[in-house]
Protein backbone atom coordinates (compact mmCIF):
# COMPACT_ATOMS: atom_id res chain seq x y z
CA MET A 1 141.06 3.22 63.46
CA THR A 2 144.22 4.57 65.40
CA VAL A 3 144.56 5.19 69.14
CA ARG A 4 145.23 9.17 68.14
CA THR A 5 141.90 9.18 65.97
CA ARG A 6 139.75 7.77 68.73
CA ILE A 7 141.39 10.07 71.28
CA LEU A 8 140.70 13.36 68.99
CA ILE A 9 136.82 11.84 68.33
CA LEU A 10 136.68 11.35 72.08
CA LEU A 11 137.70 14.97 73.03
CA SER A 12 135.68 16.39 70.09
CA ALA A 13 132.69 14.67 71.69
CA VAL A 14 133.37 16.24 75.03
CA VAL A 15 133.95 19.83 73.37
CA ALA A 16 130.54 19.48 71.92
CA LEU A 17 128.68 18.04 75.02
CA ALA A 18 130.47 21.03 77.13
CA ALA A 19 129.27 23.60 74.10
CA VAL A 20 125.90 22.15 74.62
CA ALA A 21 125.96 22.41 78.47
CA VAL A 22 127.08 26.09 78.72
CA ALA A 23 124.34 26.99 76.07
CA SER A 24 121.80 25.38 77.90
CA VAL A 25 122.95 27.48 80.82
CA LEU A 26 122.98 30.40 79.48
CA HIS A 27 119.36 29.96 77.74
CA ALA A 28 118.22 29.21 81.05
CA SER A 29 120.11 32.43 83.06
CA ALA A 30 118.56 34.55 80.27
CA ARG A 31 115.04 33.31 80.57
CA ALA A 32 115.00 33.69 84.15
CA ASP A 33 116.53 37.30 83.70
CA ARG A 34 113.40 38.11 81.36
CA ARG A 35 111.24 36.71 83.82
CA ASP A 36 112.17 39.34 86.21
CA HIS A 37 111.41 42.23 83.84
CA ALA A 38 107.91 43.53 83.01
CA GLN A 39 106.92 42.42 79.54
CA ALA A 40 105.46 44.88 76.84
CA GLY A 41 101.64 44.31 76.38
CA GLY A 42 101.56 42.80 79.75
CA PRO A 43 99.41 43.24 82.86
CA LYS A 44 100.09 46.25 84.93
CA VAL A 45 101.12 45.36 88.48
CA THR A 46 102.22 47.96 91.13
CA SER A 47 102.83 47.32 94.88
CA GLY A 48 100.14 48.46 97.21
CA THR A 49 98.18 46.49 100.17
CA VAL A 50 96.10 43.42 99.46
CA SER A 51 93.54 42.22 101.91
CA LEU A 52 91.31 39.44 102.14
CA THR A 53 88.32 41.21 103.74
CA GLY A 54 85.76 43.42 101.71
CA HIS A 55 83.36 42.45 98.77
CA GLY A 56 83.88 42.54 95.14
CA ARG A 57 87.54 41.88 94.73
CA MET A 58 89.53 38.92 93.28
CA VAL A 59 92.96 37.99 94.93
CA PHE A 60 95.19 35.31 93.07
CA ARG A 61 98.74 34.58 92.02
CA ASN A 62 100.23 36.72 89.60
CA MET A 63 101.85 35.08 86.78
CA ALA A 64 103.13 38.27 84.62
CA TRP A 65 107.04 38.27 84.12
CA GLY A 66 108.35 41.27 86.43
CA PRO A 67 109.31 42.03 89.72
CA HIS A 68 105.84 41.04 91.37
CA ARG A 69 105.82 37.43 89.55
CA ASP A 70 104.19 34.71 91.58
CA GLU A 71 102.96 37.47 94.16
CA LEU A 72 99.29 37.40 95.62
CA THR A 73 97.70 40.33 93.73
CA THR A 74 94.21 41.84 93.57
CA VAL A 75 91.96 43.30 90.91
CA PRO A 76 88.21 44.18 91.17
CA ALA A 77 85.97 41.39 90.15
CA SER A 78 84.13 43.50 87.84
CA ASP A 79 87.32 44.08 85.99
CA PRO A 80 89.69 41.15 85.94
CA ALA A 81 92.06 42.34 83.37
CA GLY A 82 92.44 45.70 84.83
CA PRO A 83 96.00 46.88 86.71
CA ARG A 84 96.50 44.92 89.52
CA THR A 85 98.14 45.55 93.06
CA ALA A 86 100.63 43.30 94.39
CA SER A 87 101.28 41.98 97.82
CA GLY A 88 104.77 41.06 98.02
CA VAL A 89 103.55 37.91 99.45
CA LYS A 90 104.48 34.56 96.81
CA CYS A 91 102.47 31.42 96.63
CA LEU A 92 102.47 28.52 94.39
CA ARG A 93 98.84 27.98 95.31
CA PHE A 94 96.45 30.24 97.21
CA TYR A 95 92.80 30.37 98.26
CA ALA A 96 90.76 32.48 100.88
CA ALA A 97 87.56 33.01 102.41
CA SER A 98 86.12 35.26 105.29
CA GLY A 99 89.49 37.07 105.97
CA THR A 100 91.49 33.51 105.86
CA GLY A 101 93.66 32.64 103.39
CA VAL A 102 96.23 29.35 102.86
CA CYS A 103 99.22 30.19 101.03
CA LEU A 104 101.36 27.14 99.64
CA GLN A 105 104.86 28.00 99.45
CA ALA A 106 108.28 26.85 97.94
CA VAL A 107 111.61 27.28 100.47
CA HIS A 108 114.41 27.22 98.21
CA GLY A 109 117.29 25.42 99.66
CA PRO A 110 120.97 24.72 98.66
CA VAL A 111 119.99 21.55 96.89
CA SER A 112 116.51 21.09 96.60
CA ASP A 113 112.90 22.78 97.50
CA THR A 114 111.07 22.04 100.51
CA TYR A 115 107.51 23.17 100.83
CA ARG A 116 105.09 24.96 103.69
CA ALA A 117 101.47 26.02 104.14
CA LEU A 118 101.04 29.07 105.66
CA ILE A 119 97.71 30.36 107.11
CA LEU A 120 97.07 34.09 106.48
CA ASP A 121 95.24 36.62 108.23
CA ASP A 122 92.98 39.43 106.32
CA ARG A 123 96.30 41.41 106.28
CA LEU A 124 98.09 38.66 104.73
CA ARG A 125 100.37 38.17 107.87
CA THR A 126 101.16 34.62 108.78
CA ARG A 127 99.11 33.01 111.63
CA ASP A 128 100.76 29.73 111.43
CA HIS A 129 102.71 27.21 109.17
CA TYR A 130 102.65 23.55 108.54
CA ASP A 131 105.22 21.52 106.43
CA VAL A 132 103.87 19.98 103.08
CA PRO A 133 105.21 16.94 102.23
CA GLY A 134 105.69 17.35 98.22
CA ILE A 135 105.08 19.55 95.58
CA PRO A 136 101.68 21.86 96.13
CA SER A 137 98.62 20.94 93.83
CA ARG A 138 95.36 22.43 95.23
CA ALA A 139 94.37 24.61 98.22
CA ARG A 140 91.18 25.35 99.49
CA VAL A 141 89.39 27.40 102.64
CA SER A 142 86.22 27.09 104.18
CA PRO A 143 83.54 29.48 103.84
CA THR A 144 83.44 30.81 107.43
CA GLY A 145 87.46 30.64 107.20
CA HIS A 146 87.51 28.00 110.08
CA PHE A 147 89.36 25.27 108.00
CA ALA A 148 91.82 25.03 105.45
CA ALA A 149 92.89 21.89 103.02
CA TRP A 150 96.00 21.40 100.57
CA THR A 151 96.93 18.52 98.73
CA ALA A 152 100.66 17.79 97.48
CA PHE A 153 102.04 15.16 95.23
CA VAL A 154 104.48 13.31 97.39
CA GLY A 155 104.97 10.69 94.39
CA GLY A 156 104.64 11.65 90.68
CA ASP A 157 103.54 15.10 89.61
CA SER A 158 100.65 14.97 87.56
CA TYR A 159 97.11 13.58 87.79
CA ALA A 160 96.92 12.48 84.04
CA GLY A 161 98.77 9.00 84.55
CA THR A 162 98.30 6.47 87.28
CA ASN A 163 101.65 6.46 88.83
CA PHE A 164 101.25 9.64 91.33
CA SER A 165 100.16 9.51 95.23
CA THR A 166 99.11 12.44 97.15
CA ARG A 167 98.77 13.62 100.74
CA THR A 168 95.96 15.61 102.06
CA ALA A 169 95.69 17.43 105.13
CA ILE A 170 93.21 19.82 106.89
CA VAL A 171 93.56 22.27 109.70
CA ASP A 172 91.29 23.93 112.13
CA THR A 173 92.76 27.55 111.50
CA ARG A 174 91.43 28.46 115.09
CA THR A 175 93.07 26.13 117.28
CA GLY A 176 95.84 24.69 114.94
CA GLU A 177 94.79 20.98 115.08
CA LEU A 178 96.09 19.47 111.69
CA ILE A 179 94.78 16.25 110.03
CA PRO A 180 97.88 15.52 108.21
CA SER A 181 96.04 12.97 105.72
CA LEU A 182 92.81 11.99 104.96
CA GLU A 183 93.78 8.54 104.34
CA ALA A 184 93.13 8.13 108.07
CA PHE A 185 89.33 8.42 107.57
CA ARG A 186 87.08 5.34 107.51
CA ILE A 187 85.81 5.04 103.80
CA VAL A 188 82.51 3.89 103.20
CA ARG A 189 81.82 3.00 99.50
CA ASP A 190 78.52 2.07 98.18
CA GLY A 191 77.37 1.57 101.72
CA HIS A 192 80.04 -0.77 103.21
CA PRO A 193 83.18 -0.26 105.03
CA TYR A 194 86.24 0.04 102.67
CA ARG A 195 89.97 -0.06 102.98
CA ALA A 196 92.82 -0.49 100.40
CA ALA A 197 96.39 0.15 100.42
CA ASP A 198 96.19 2.46 97.27
CA THR A 199 93.69 5.19 98.14
CA ASN A 200 94.41 8.76 97.47
CA PHE A 201 92.86 11.90 98.50
CA TRP A 202 92.73 15.51 96.67
CA GLY A 203 91.18 18.38 95.89
CA VAL A 204 88.98 19.50 99.46
CA THR A 205 86.27 21.74 99.33
CA PHE A 206 84.12 22.78 102.03
CA ALA A 207 80.52 23.46 102.78
CA ALA A 208 79.53 26.24 105.16
CA ASP A 209 78.60 24.17 108.11
CA ASP A 210 82.24 23.45 109.85
CA ARG A 211 81.60 19.83 109.07
CA THR A 212 81.23 18.83 105.56
CA PHE A 213 83.73 18.85 102.85
CA TYR A 214 83.74 16.98 99.54
CA ALA A 215 87.02 15.53 97.78
CA THR A 216 88.23 12.98 95.36
CA LEU A 217 89.02 9.80 96.24
CA ALA A 218 90.98 7.37 93.89
CA THR A 219 91.52 3.80 94.29
CA LYS A 220 91.96 0.74 92.00
CA GLY A 221 92.38 2.86 89.02
CA SER A 222 88.82 4.52 89.88
CA THR A 223 87.89 8.48 91.17
CA TYR A 224 84.86 9.00 93.37
CA LEU A 225 83.54 12.10 94.47
CA VAL A 226 83.07 11.81 98.30
CA ARG A 227 81.30 13.55 101.26
CA GLY A 228 83.74 14.02 104.25
CA ASP A 229 82.32 14.53 107.86
CA LEU A 230 84.95 16.13 110.13
CA ARG A 231 83.59 15.06 113.42
CA THR A 232 83.05 11.32 112.66
CA ARG A 233 86.19 11.50 110.32
CA THR A 234 84.36 9.51 108.02
CA VAL A 235 84.20 10.04 104.16
CA THR A 236 81.31 8.28 101.95
CA THR A 237 81.34 8.03 97.81
CA LEU A 238 78.81 9.80 96.13
CA HIS A 239 79.53 9.45 92.33
CA ALA A 240 82.32 7.93 90.25
CA ASN A 241 84.74 9.67 88.04
CA VAL A 242 84.92 12.98 89.80
CA GLU A 243 88.35 14.82 89.98
CA CYS A 244 89.20 18.33 91.89
CA PRO A 245 85.40 18.97 93.09
CA SER A 246 84.44 22.47 93.79
CA LEU A 247 81.29 23.43 95.98
CA SER A 248 78.99 26.01 94.58
CA PRO A 249 78.06 29.21 97.16
CA ASP A 250 74.82 27.84 97.68
CA GLY A 251 75.79 24.23 98.32
CA THR A 252 73.59 22.54 95.85
CA ARG A 253 76.16 21.60 93.30
CA VAL A 254 79.68 20.53 92.38
CA ALA A 255 81.92 21.52 89.34
CA TYR A 256 84.83 18.98 88.50
CA LYS A 257 87.05 17.74 85.98
CA LYS A 258 85.99 14.40 84.47
CA ARG A 259 87.88 11.83 82.34
CA VAL A 260 86.39 11.14 78.94
CA LYS A 261 86.92 8.45 76.72
CA GLY A 262 89.01 9.20 73.78
CA LEU A 263 90.80 12.11 74.96
CA PRO A 264 94.76 11.70 75.02
CA LYS A 265 96.34 10.23 78.34
CA ASP A 266 98.10 13.60 79.14
CA ALA A 267 94.65 15.64 78.70
CA PRO A 268 91.87 13.44 79.49
CA TRP A 269 89.57 15.97 81.37
CA HIS A 270 86.17 17.76 80.56
CA LEU A 271 84.33 20.11 83.12
CA TYR A 272 81.24 19.36 84.45
CA VAL A 273 78.82 19.89 87.10
CA LEU A 274 77.06 17.74 89.18
CA ASP A 275 73.82 18.41 90.90
CA LEU A 276 74.21 16.70 94.46
CA HIS A 277 70.27 16.22 94.77
CA THR A 278 69.74 14.32 91.45
CA MET A 279 73.38 13.31 90.65
CA ARG A 280 72.75 14.73 87.12
CA GLU A 281 75.84 15.69 85.14
CA THR A 282 76.02 18.61 83.14
CA PRO A 283 78.90 19.06 80.64
CA LEU A 284 80.15 22.59 80.28
CA ALA A 285 81.10 24.45 77.33
CA GLU A 286 84.96 24.60 77.50
CA PRO A 287 85.97 22.39 74.82
CA ARG A 288 89.56 21.98 76.15
CA SER A 289 91.02 19.54 78.74
CA VAL A 290 91.43 21.25 82.25
CA ASP A 291 93.53 20.31 85.29
CA ASP A 292 92.48 22.87 87.61
CA GLN A 293 90.52 22.83 90.44
CA ALA A 294 87.61 25.32 89.31
CA VAL A 295 86.19 28.12 91.59
CA TRP A 296 82.89 29.37 91.37
CA LYS A 297 82.44 33.14 90.73
CA ASP A 298 79.04 33.22 91.82
CA THR A 299 75.88 30.60 91.34
CA ARG A 300 76.22 30.95 87.63
CA THR A 301 79.60 31.19 86.63
CA ILE A 302 82.75 28.56 86.62
CA VAL A 303 86.51 29.81 86.81
CA TYR A 304 89.45 27.78 85.71
CA ALA A 305 92.98 28.37 84.72
CA LEU A 306 94.35 26.89 81.10
CA PRO A 307 97.83 27.07 79.73
CA GLY A 308 99.09 30.54 78.80
CA ASP A 309 102.00 32.39 77.33
CA TYR A 310 103.49 33.05 80.67
CA GLY A 311 101.97 30.01 82.78
CA ALA A 312 98.38 30.33 83.06
CA ASP A 313 95.50 32.43 81.97
CA LEU A 314 92.19 32.45 83.69
CA TYR A 315 88.72 31.90 81.87
CA GLU A 316 85.23 31.95 82.81
CA VAL A 317 82.01 29.55 81.59
CA PRO A 318 78.58 29.26 82.40
CA ALA A 319 77.70 26.81 84.82
CA ASP A 320 74.51 25.59 83.21
CA GLY A 321 76.58 24.16 80.00
CA SER A 322 75.24 27.22 78.16
CA GLY A 323 77.66 29.51 75.99
CA GLN A 324 81.26 29.75 75.64
CA PRO A 325 84.34 30.23 77.50
CA ARG A 326 85.76 33.81 77.85
CA ARG A 327 89.24 34.63 78.99
CA ILE A 328 89.13 37.07 81.50
CA SER A 329 92.59 37.65 82.92
CA LYS A 330 96.18 36.72 81.33
CA ALA A 331 98.80 35.29 83.43
CA ALA A 332 96.82 34.41 86.39
CA VAL A 333 96.04 31.24 88.60
CA SER A 334 94.42 30.37 92.03
CA PRO A 335 91.82 32.89 91.94
CA ALA A 336 89.77 33.28 94.89
CA TYR A 337 86.70 35.74 94.95
CA LEU A 338 86.22 37.71 98.43
CA ARG A 339 82.29 37.81 99.29
């Protein structure tokens, strides 16, 4: 092969790669442009006032393409697929209770994004903000509104594998006192003090006493449901193979995702409910793998997100293992029910 032929082949390869790069950029730009326009048949979304007070409403992150994508929106809880009112406040993850909200946001920089947690009042005004050390994953507010928690990935970006690490923080929304990481808490496992360098916590859910919370502890390749005490700064293991717990409104049960043998490594979970008094597990009727921290719509119904055409859709299923899953809202994630 002559030098001239080699040069021509090299130039052809460079041109081809440049064409692929340009096509990729144009495709991404076109897709981003489409996301700014409402899609035919999608939910109706209009600007308006969104409040975190009152009863009988659901507030969530709107995923529908259009000018209100990623904004907090609200609908009547009795009509979750109905017209949406958008707030103008954008969040990646969200939760609210008793007039207090927590909104995990991306701050877009010239080189890379950073993240922050906003504590919102009942009119979605920012009361305080905190740096978040990685990609936001979970968010919760206590039933009283006095505490908020969030989890972020600080290494890796998926719970499916083992090569990830998380950071979970809790803040007192009244005083601003921040617990930057649950890893500082004392761990009691099987009745004995426990220490390990690989501990990870995620998925906080609060009880109504402004003291007790539940979360996931991961260590040595296993996960556990832990009960935490904010006064003694202690967590105690209760049950194995529990991730992303969500405490029922009456405080008696926890909904969670459980790894089930035989499922794909990237989709290993099924939804269960655990009775905290008997430790009896009930599998729910959702056959698909759910990677979400479920929400209790009421004492009988679990709501959760699954992948959808615009990112995620919301589904509900009975908490007693009966019935069938039902999609209740398209292009929606991170719901909070105002009670």
